[in-house]
Every structure is written in C-alpha cells, then in structure tokens.
C-alpha cells in the first residue's frame, strides 16, 4: 500500500506535466484546454487504492504458504 500511495503522490504531478507537454505540441488550429477537477483526482486515487488493496488481500494468503526453499530449488 505504501508503494501505491507513493506512486499516486509522484505520478499525479508527472501526469499533469505529461498532459501539458502533449497539449503543447498540438498545432495552433486545434483548440483544446486541459482542465483538472479535484473529483477526477479523488476518484482515480480511490480506485487505485481499492484495486491495490483487493490484490494484496487476495495474494497475501497465497504468499504465506509458499515454501521459499522449494521455490528456489525449482529454478536450478
């Protein structure tokens, strides 16, 4: 979950910069203004956290049952 939250915090400004760069390369004849609403950021962050939480819950039980020694021996 910490990696998810870090990705959201670092990815939001990077995504805004990427959108600004993409719209900066559009020709003058195309008028499109990028608008950011706080609702979009909240919904996206909540959806990302919910999906990450669900995946962590589904896989945490399976990871505990893996025998690491046998898993590594199978790779030899």
PDB file of N, CA and C in Angstrom:
ATOM      1  N   UNK A   1       0.826  -1.193   0.000  1.00  0.00           N
ATOM      2  CA  UNK A   1       0.000   0.000   0.000  1.00  0.00           C
ATOM      3  C   UNK A   1       0.869   1.255   0.000  1.00  0.00           C
ATOM      4  N   UNK A   2       2.028   1.169   0.643  1.00  0.00           N
ATOM      5  CA  UNK A   2       2.918   2.347   0.647  1.00  0.00           C
ATOM      6  C   UNK A   2       3.409   2.664  -0.755  1.00  0.00           C
ATOM      7  N   UNK A   3       3.711   1.639  -1.511  1.00  0.00           N
ATOM      8  CA  UNK A   3       4.145   1.872  -2.889  1.00  0.00           C
ATOM      9  C   UNK A   3       3.017   2.465  -3.727  1.00  0.00           C
ATOM     10  N   UNK A   4       1.795   2.042  -3.474  1.00  0.00           N
ATOM     11  CA  UNK A   4       0.654   2.595  -4.195  1.00  0.00           C
ATOM     12  C   UNK A   4       0.489   4.076  -3.881  1.00  0.00           C
ATOM     13  N   UNK A   5       0.543   4.419  -2.604  1.00  0.00           N
ATOM     14  CA  UNK A   5       0.401   5.821  -2.207  1.00  0.00           C
ATOM     15  C   UNK A   5       1.550   6.676  -2.730  1.00  0.00           C
ATOM     16  N   UNK A   6       2.761   6.128  -2.711  1.00  0.00           N
ATOM     17  CA  UNK A   6       3.905   6.857  -3.260  1.00  0.00           C
ATOM     18  C   UNK A   6       3.733   7.068  -4.761  1.00  0.00           C
ATOM     19  N   UNK A   7       3.244   6.055  -5.452  1.00  0.00           N
ATOM     20  CA  UNK A   7       3.003   6.176  -6.886  1.00  0.00           C
ATOM     21  C   UNK A   7       1.951   7.218  -7.208  1.00  0.00           C
ATOM     22  N   UNK A   8       0.921   7.302  -6.380  1.00  0.00           N
ATOM     23  CA  UNK A   8      -0.115   8.312  -6.594  1.00  0.00           C
ATOM     24  C   UNK A   8       0.456   9.709  -6.385  1.00  0.00           C
ATOM     25  N   UNK A   9       1.216   9.871  -5.301  1.00  0.00           N
ATOM     26  CA  UNK A   9       1.770  11.195  -4.984  1.00  0.00           C
ATOM     27  C   UNK A   9       2.780  11.641  -6.043  1.00  0.00           C
ATOM     28  N   UNK A  10       3.620  10.739  -6.494  1.00  0.00           N
ATOM     29  CA  UNK A  10       4.622  11.102  -7.500  1.00  0.00           C
ATOM     30  C   UNK A  10       4.054  11.109  -8.913  1.00  0.00           C
ATOM     31  N   UNK A  11       3.068  10.259  -9.172  1.00  0.00           N
ATOM     32  CA  UNK A  11       2.529  10.145 -10.517  1.00  0.00           C
ATOM     33  C   UNK A  11       1.583  11.266 -10.906  1.00  0.00           C
ATOM     34  N   UNK A  12       0.936  11.871  -9.933  1.00  0.00           N
ATOM     35  CA  UNK A  12      -0.008  12.947 -10.248  1.00  0.00           C
ATOM     36  C   UNK A  12       0.681  14.144 -10.894  1.00  0.00           C
ATOM     37  N   UNK A  13       1.750  14.694 -10.305  1.00  0.00           N
ATOM     38  CA  UNK A  13       2.413  15.808 -10.991  1.00  0.00           C
ATOM     39  C   UNK A  13       3.059  15.396 -12.309  1.00  0.00           C
ATOM     40  N   UNK A  14       3.585  14.183 -12.369  1.00  0.00           N
ATOM     41  CA  UNK A  14       4.183  13.718 -13.621  1.00  0.00           C
ATOM     42  C   UNK A  14       3.124  13.593 -14.709  1.00  0.00           C
ATOM     43  N   UNK A  15       1.948  13.117 -14.360  1.00  0.00           N
ATOM     44  CA  UNK A  15       0.862  13.014 -15.325  1.00  0.00           C
ATOM     45  C   UNK A  15       0.386  14.377 -15.800  1.00  0.00           C
ATOM     46  N   UNK A  16       0.309  15.325 -14.886  1.00  0.00           N
ATOM     47  CA  UNK A  16      -0.089  16.681 -15.271  1.00  0.00           C
ATOM     48  C   UNK A  16       0.951  17.296 -16.203  1.00  0.00           C
ATOM     49  N   UNK A  17       2.214  17.033 -15.937  1.00  0.00           N
ATOM     50  CA  UNK A  17       3.289  17.543 -16.804  1.00  0.00           C
ATOM     51  C   UNK A  17       3.192  16.902 -18.186  1.00  0.00           C
ATOM     52  N   UNK A  18       2.920  15.597 -18.221  1.00  0.00           N
ATOM     53  CA  UNK A  18       2.802  14.893 -19.499  1.00  0.00           C
ATOM     54  C   UNK A  18       1.642  15.444 -20.330  1.00  0.00           C
ATOM     55  N   UNK A  19       0.512  15.710 -19.681  1.00  0.00           N
ATOM     56  CA  UNK A  19      -0.631  16.281 -20.401  1.00  0.00           C
ATOM     57  C   UNK A  19      -0.273  17.662 -20.941  1.00  0.00           C
ATOM     58  N   UNK A  20       0.419  18.463 -20.135  1.00  0.00           N
ATOM     59  CA  UNK A  20       0.827  19.798 -20.600  1.00  0.00           C
ATOM     60  C   UNK A  20       1.774  19.695 -21.791  1.00  0.00           C
ATOM     61  N   UNK A  21       2.681  18.734 -21.766  1.00  0.00           N
ATOM     62  CA  UNK A  21       3.602  18.549 -22.887  1.00  0.00           C
ATOM     63  C   UNK A  21       2.857  18.090 -24.151  1.00  0.00           C
ATOM     64  N   UNK A  22       1.913  17.185 -23.996  1.00  0.00           N
ATOM     65  CA  UNK A  22       1.159  16.703 -25.155  1.00  0.00           C
ATOM     66  C   UNK A  22       0.324  17.821 -25.771  1.00  0.00           C
ATOM     67  N   UNK A  23      -0.338  18.601 -24.948  1.00  0.00           N
ATOM     68  CA  UNK A  23      -1.142  19.691 -25.475  1.00  0.00           C
ATOM     69  C   UNK A  23      -0.275  20.825 -25.986  1.00  0.00           C
ATOM     70  N   UNK A  24       0.945  20.916 -25.508  1.00  0.00           N
ATOM     71  CA  UNK A  24       1.865  21.933 -26.016  1.00  0.00           C
ATOM     72  C   UNK A  24       2.351  21.637 -27.417  1.00  0.00           C
ATOM     73  N   UNK A  25       2.305  20.385 -27.814  1.00  0.00           N
ATOM     74  CA  UNK A  25       2.762  20.010 -29.157  1.00  0.00           C
ATOM     75  C   UNK A  25       1.640  20.036 -30.184  1.00  0.00           C
ATOM     76  N   UNK A  26       0.417  20.311 -29.753  1.00  0.00           N
ATOM     77  CA  UNK A  26      -0.707  20.355 -30.698  1.00  0.00           C
ATOM     78  C   UNK A  26      -0.611  21.632 -31.534  1.00  0.00           C
ATOM     79  N   UNK A  27      -1.043  21.553 -32.784  1.00  0.00           N
ATOM     80  CA  UNK A  27      -0.985  22.751 -33.632  1.00  0.00           C
ATOM     81  C   UNK A  27      -1.944  23.836 -33.132  1.00  0.00           C
ATOM     82  N   UNK A  28      -1.672  25.057 -33.555  1.00  0.00           N
ATOM     83  CA  UNK A  28      -2.483  26.199 -33.130  1.00  0.00           C
ATOM     84  C   UNK A  28      -3.926  26.092 -33.598  1.00  0.00           C
ATOM     85  N   UNK A  29      -4.175  25.372 -34.672  1.00  0.00           N
ATOM     86  CA  UNK A  29      -5.532  25.268 -35.208  1.00  0.00           C
ATOM     87  C   UNK A  29      -6.446  24.414 -34.330  1.00  0.00           C
ATOM     88  N   UNK A  30      -5.870  23.631 -33.432  1.00  0.00           N
ATOM     89  CA  UNK A  30      -6.668  22.784 -32.549  1.00  0.00           C
ATOM     90  C   UNK A  30      -6.786  23.466 -31.195  1.00  0.00           C
ATOM     91  N   UNK A  31      -7.991  23.805 -30.824  1.00  0.00           N
ATOM     92  CA  UNK A  31      -8.222  24.417 -29.530  1.00  0.00           C
ATOM     93  C   UNK A  31      -8.761  23.382 -28.558  1.00  0.00           C
ATOM     94  N   UNK A  32      -7.960  23.067 -27.583  1.00  0.00           N
ATOM     95  CA  UNK A  32      -8.397  22.177 -26.521  1.00  0.00           C
ATOM     96  C   UNK A  32      -7.707  22.624 -25.250  1.00  0.00           C
ATOM     97  N   UNK A  33      -8.464  22.851 -24.231  1.00  0.00           N
ATOM     98  CA  UNK A  33      -7.912  23.313 -22.959  1.00  0.00           C
ATOM     99  C   UNK A  33      -8.043  22.171 -21.949  1.00  0.00           C
ATOM    100  N   UNK A  34      -6.949  21.812 -21.344  1.00  0.00           N
ATOM    101  CA  UNK A  34      -6.972  20.759 -20.324  1.00  0.00           C
ATOM    102  C   UNK A  34      -7.464  21.358 -19.014  1.00  0.00           C
ATOM    103  N   UNK A  35      -8.484  20.755 -18.460  1.00  0.00           N
ATOM    104  CA  UNK A  35      -8.993  21.199 -17.166  1.00  0.00           C
ATOM    105  C   UNK A  35      -8.865  20.052 -16.179  1.00  0.00           C
ATOM    106  N   UNK A  36      -8.483  20.395 -14.982  1.00  0.00           N
ATOM    107  CA  UNK A  36      -8.324  19.410 -13.920  1.00  0.00           C
ATOM    108  C   UNK A  36      -9.361  19.707 -12.845  1.00  0.00           C
ATOM    109  N   UNK A  37     -10.078  18.693 -12.449  1.00  0.00           N
ATOM    110  CA  UNK A  37     -11.035  18.822 -11.359  1.00  0.00           C
ATOM    111  C   UNK A  37     -10.591  17.926 -10.223  1.00  0.00           C
ATOM    112  N   UNK A  38     -10.801  18.382  -9.026  1.00  0.00           N
ATOM    113  CA  UNK A  38     -10.383  17.616  -7.851  1.00  0.00           C
ATOM    114  C   UNK A  38     -11.112  16.278  -7.784  1.00  0.00           C
ATOM    115  N   UNK A  39     -12.342  16.227  -8.286  1.00  0.00           N
ATOM    116  CA  UNK A  39     -13.094  14.952  -8.279  1.00  0.00           C
ATOM    117  C   UNK A  39     -12.368  13.882  -9.081  1.00  0.00           C
ATOM    118  N   UNK A  40     -11.776  14.262 -10.188  1.00  0.00           N
ATOM    119  CA  UNK A  40     -11.055  13.285 -11.018  1.00  0.00           C
ATOM    120  C   UNK A  40      -9.878  12.691 -10.254  1.00  0.00           C
ATOM    121  N   UNK A  41      -9.151  13.523  -9.537  1.00  0.00           N
ATOM    122  CA  UNK A  41      -8.013  13.031  -8.763  1.00  0.00           C
ATOM    123  C   UNK A  41      -8.476  12.135  -7.619  1.00  0.00           C
ATOM    124  N   UNK A  42      -9.557  12.511  -6.973  1.00  0.00           N
ATOM    125  CA  UNK A  42     -10.057  11.724  -5.847  1.00  0.00           C
ATOM    126  C   UNK A  42     -10.560  10.362  -6.319  1.00  0.00           C
ATOM    127  N   UNK A  43     -11.342  10.340  -7.399  1.00  0.00           N
ATOM    128  CA  UNK A  43     -11.855   9.066  -7.907  1.00  0.00           C
ATOM    129  C   UNK A  43     -10.723   8.152  -8.389  1.00  0.00           C
ATOM    130  N   UNK A  44      -9.754   8.727  -9.049  1.00  0.00           N
ATOM    131  CA  UNK A  44      -8.644   7.927  -9.558  1.00  0.00           C
ATOM    132  C   UNK A  44      -7.803   7.356  -8.422  1.00  0.00           C
ATOM    133  N   UNK A  45      -7.489   8.183  -7.432  1.00  0.00           N
ATOM    134  CA  UNK A  45      -6.693   7.719  -6.287  1.00  0.00           C
ATOM    135  C   UNK A  45      -7.457   6.670  -5.489  1.00  0.00           C
ATOM    136  N   UNK A  46      -8.758   6.881  -5.292  1.00  0.00           N
ATOM    137  CA  UNK A  46      -9.561   5.905  -4.541  1.00  0.00           C
ATOM    138  C   UNK A  46      -9.656   4.575  -5.296  1.00  0.00           C
ATOM    139  N   UNK A  47      -9.853   4.636  -6.601  1.00  0.00           N
ATOM    140  CA  UNK A  47      -9.910   3.412  -7.388  1.00  0.00           C
ATOM    141  C   UNK A  47      -8.595   2.653  -7.381  1.00  0.00           C
ATOM    142  N   UNK A  48      -7.500   3.382  -7.472  1.00  0.00           N
ATOM    143  CA  UNK A  48      -6.178   2.749  -7.448  1.00  0.00           C
ATOM    144  C   UNK A  48      -5.912   2.093  -6.098  1.00  0.00           C
ATOM    145  N   UNK A  49      -6.246   2.789  -5.022  1.00  0.00           N
ATOM    146  CA  UNK A  49      -6.049   2.223  -3.680  1.00  0.00           C
ATOM    147  C   UNK A  49      -6.952   1.010  -3.461  1.00  0.00           C
ATOM    148  N   UNK A  50      -8.196   1.070  -3.924  1.00  0.00           N
ATOM    149  CA  UNK A  50      -9.109  -0.062  -3.757  1.00  0.00           C
ATOM    150  C   UNK A  50      -8.619  -1.288  -4.517  1.00  0.00           C
ATOM    151  N   UNK A  51      -8.156  -1.096  -5.739  1.00  0.00           N
ATOM    152  CA  UNK A  51      -7.647  -2.221  -6.522  1.00  0.00           C
ATOM    153  C   UNK A  51      -6.379  -2.796  -5.892  1.00  0.00           C
ATOM    154  N   UNK A  52      -5.499  -1.942  -5.432  1.00  0.00           N
ATOM    155  CA  UNK A  52      -4.273  -2.410  -4.785  1.00  0.00           C
ATOM    156  C   UNK A  52      -4.592  -3.175  -3.501  1.00  0.00           C
ATOM    157  N   UNK A  53      -5.538  -2.670  -2.728  1.00  0.00           N
ATOM    158  CA  UNK A  53      -5.942  -3.342  -1.500  1.00  0.00           C
ATOM    159  C   UNK A  53      -6.541  -4.713  -1.810  1.00  0.00           C
ATOM    160  N   UNK A  54      -7.387  -4.788  -2.832  1.00  0.00           N
ATOM    161  CA  UNK A  54      -8.004  -6.060  -3.194  1.00  0.00           C
ATOM    162  C   UNK A  54      -6.966  -7.080  -3.643  1.00  0.00           C
ATOM    163  N   UNK A  55      -6.016  -6.659  -4.445  1.00  0.00           N
ATOM    164  CA  UNK A  55      -4.969  -7.577  -4.907  1.00  0.00           C
ATOM    165  C   UNK A  55      -4.105  -8.038  -3.734  1.00  0.00           C
ATOM    166  N   UNK A  56      -3.771  -7.120  -2.837  1.00  0.00           N
ATOM    167  CA  UNK A  56      -2.982  -7.501  -1.658  1.00  0.00           C
ATOM    168  C   UNK A  56      -3.725  -8.507  -0.792  1.00  0.00           C
ATOM    169  N   UNK A  57      -5.031  -8.321  -0.612  1.00  0.00           N
ATOM    170  CA  UNK A  57      -5.816  -9.253   0.202  1.00  0.00           C
ATOM    171  C   UNK A  57      -5.904 -10.625  -0.465  1.00  0.00           C
ATOM    172  N   UNK A  58      -6.049 -10.646  -1.780  1.00  0.00           N
ATOM    173  CA  UNK A  58      -6.159 -11.927  -2.475  1.00  0.00           C
ATOM    174  C   UNK A  58      -4.848 -12.702  -2.464  1.00  0.00           C
ATOM    175  N   UNK A  59      -3.736 -12.011  -2.591  1.00  0.00           N
ATOM    176  CA  UNK A  59      -2.454 -12.705  -2.711  1.00  0.00           C
ATOM    177  C   UNK A  59      -1.718 -12.907  -1.389  1.00  0.00           C
ATOM    178  N   UNK A  60      -2.084 -12.203  -0.333  1.00  0.00           N
ATOM    179  CA  UNK A  60      -1.332 -12.306   0.924  1.00  0.00           C
ATOM    180  C   UNK A  60      -1.420 -13.713   1.507  1.00  0.00           C
ATOM    181  N   UNK A  61      -2.550 -14.351   1.409  1.00  0.00           N
ATOM    182  CA  UNK A  61      -2.668 -15.710   1.930  1.00  0.00           C
ATOM    183  C   UNK A  61      -1.864 -16.709   1.131  1.00  0.00           C
ATOM    184  N   UNK A  62      -1.804 -16.529  -0.153  1.00  0.00           N
ATOM    185  CA  UNK A  62      -1.056 -17.462  -1.000  1.00  0.00           C
ATOM    186  C   UNK A  62       0.456 -17.308  -0.812  1.00  0.00           C
ATOM    187  N   UNK A  63       0.908 -16.085  -0.582  1.00  0.00           N
ATOM    188  CA  UNK A  63       2.341 -15.861  -0.409  1.00  0.00           C
ATOM    189  C   UNK A  63       2.836 -16.492   0.888  1.00  0.00           C
ATOM    190  N   UNK A  64       1.999 -16.517   1.906  1.00  0.00           N
ATOM    191  CA  UNK A  64       2.394 -17.107   3.192  1.00  0.00           C
ATOM    192  C   UNK A  64       2.580 -18.610   3.101  1.00  0.00           C
ATOM    193  N   UNK A  65       1.921 -19.263   2.157  1.00  0.00           N
ATOM    194  CA  UNK A  65       2.009 -20.722   2.048  1.00  0.00           C
ATOM    195  C   UNK A  65       3.143 -21.191   1.137  1.00  0.00           C
ATOM    196  N   UNK A  66       3.844 -20.279   0.485  1.00  0.00           N
ATOM    197  CA  UNK A  66       4.910 -20.666  -0.431  1.00  0.00           C
ATOM    198  C   UNK A  66       6.162 -21.021   0.377  1.00  0.00           C
ATOM    199  N   UNK A  67       6.720 -22.197   0.112  1.00  0.00           N
ATOM    200  CA  UNK A  67       7.982 -22.598   0.729  1.00  0.00           C
ATOM    201  C   UNK A  67       9.103 -22.048  -0.145  1.00  0.00           C
ATOM    202  N   UNK A  68       9.825 -21.073   0.376  1.00  0.00           N
ATOM    203  CA  UNK A  68      10.828 -20.379  -0.423  1.00  0.00           C
ATOM    204  C   UNK A  68      11.986 -21.284  -0.833  1.00  0.00           C
ATOM    205  N   UNK A  69      12.356 -22.215   0.014  1.00  0.00           N
ATOM    206  CA  UNK A  69      13.460 -23.106  -0.330  1.00  0.00           C
ATOM    207  C   UNK A  69      13.089 -23.969  -1.529  1.00  0.00           C
ATOM    208  N   UNK A  70      11.910 -24.548  -1.505  1.00  0.00           N
ATOM    209  CA  UNK A  70      11.472 -25.370  -2.633  1.00  0.00           C
ATOM    210  C   UNK A  70      11.265 -24.530  -3.890  1.00  0.00           C
ATOM    211  N   UNK A  71      10.778 -23.310  -3.719  1.00  0.00           N
ATOM    212  CA  UNK A  71      10.559 -22.432  -4.875  1.00  0.00           C
ATOM    213  C   UNK A  71      11.889 -22.100  -5.548  1.00  0.00           C
ATOM    214  N   UNK A  72      12.929 -21.861  -4.782  1.00  0.00           N
ATOM    215  CA  UNK A  72      14.236 -21.558  -5.351  1.00  0.00           C
ATOM    216  C   UNK A  72      14.902 -22.787  -5.935  1.00  0.00           C
ATOM    217  N   UNK A  73      14.688 -23.957  -5.360  1.00  0.00           N
ATOM    218  CA  UNK A  73      15.282 -25.172  -5.898  1.00  0.00           C
ATOM    219  C   UNK A  73      14.689 -25.510  -7.249  1.00  0.00           C
ATOM    220  N   UNK A  74      13.469 -25.178  -7.482  1.00  0.00           N
ATOM    221  CA  UNK A  74      12.828 -25.463  -8.763  1.00  0.00           C
ATOM    222  C   UNK A  74      13.429 -24.654  -9.902  1.00  0.00           C
ATOM    223  N   UNK A  75      14.110 -23.573  -9.601  1.00  0.00           N
ATOM    224  CA  UNK A  75      14.708 -22.723 -10.627  1.00  0.00           C
ATOM    225  C   UNK A  75      16.084 -23.210 -11.077  1.00  0.00           C
ATOM    226  N   UNK A  76      16.696 -24.114 -10.331  1.00  0.00           N
ATOM    227  CA  UNK A  76      18.057 -24.576 -10.660  1.00  0.00           C
ATOM    228  C   UNK A  76      18.085 -25.446 -11.887  1.00  0.00           C
TER     229      UNK A  76
END
